Protein backbone atom coordinates (compact mmCIF):
# COMPACT_ATOMS: atom_id res chain seq x y z
CA MET A 1 -5.61 -17.26 2.70
CA ALA A 2 -7.53 -17.46 -0.34
CA ALA A 3 -5.48 -15.12 -2.27
CA PRO A 4 -4.84 -15.44 -6.28
CA ALA A 5 -1.73 -16.96 -7.29
CA LYS A 6 -1.26 -14.16 -9.66
CA GLY A 7 0.10 -11.90 -6.94
CA GLU A 8 -1.23 -12.95 -3.42
CA ASN A 9 1.92 -10.96 -1.74
CA LEU A 10 0.93 -7.86 -3.90
CA SER A 11 -2.57 -7.92 -3.14
CA LEU A 12 -1.60 -8.15 0.90
CA VAL A 13 -0.16 -5.04 0.40
CA VAL A 14 -2.17 -3.26 -1.91
CA HIS A 15 -5.62 -4.36 -0.30
CA GLY A 16 -4.73 -6.36 2.83
CA PRO A 17 -4.99 -9.67 4.46
CA GLY A 18 -8.96 -9.32 4.64
CA ASP A 19 -9.62 -7.43 1.32
CA ILE A 20 -7.81 -9.20 -1.52
CA ARG A 21 -11.02 -10.16 -3.22
CA LEU A 22 -11.64 -6.57 -3.47
């Protein structure tokens, strides 16, 4: 997963496992 270290977990919850970059 190429999620930002700022809040990869938060992004997963808000955007989704495939829409983190949005």
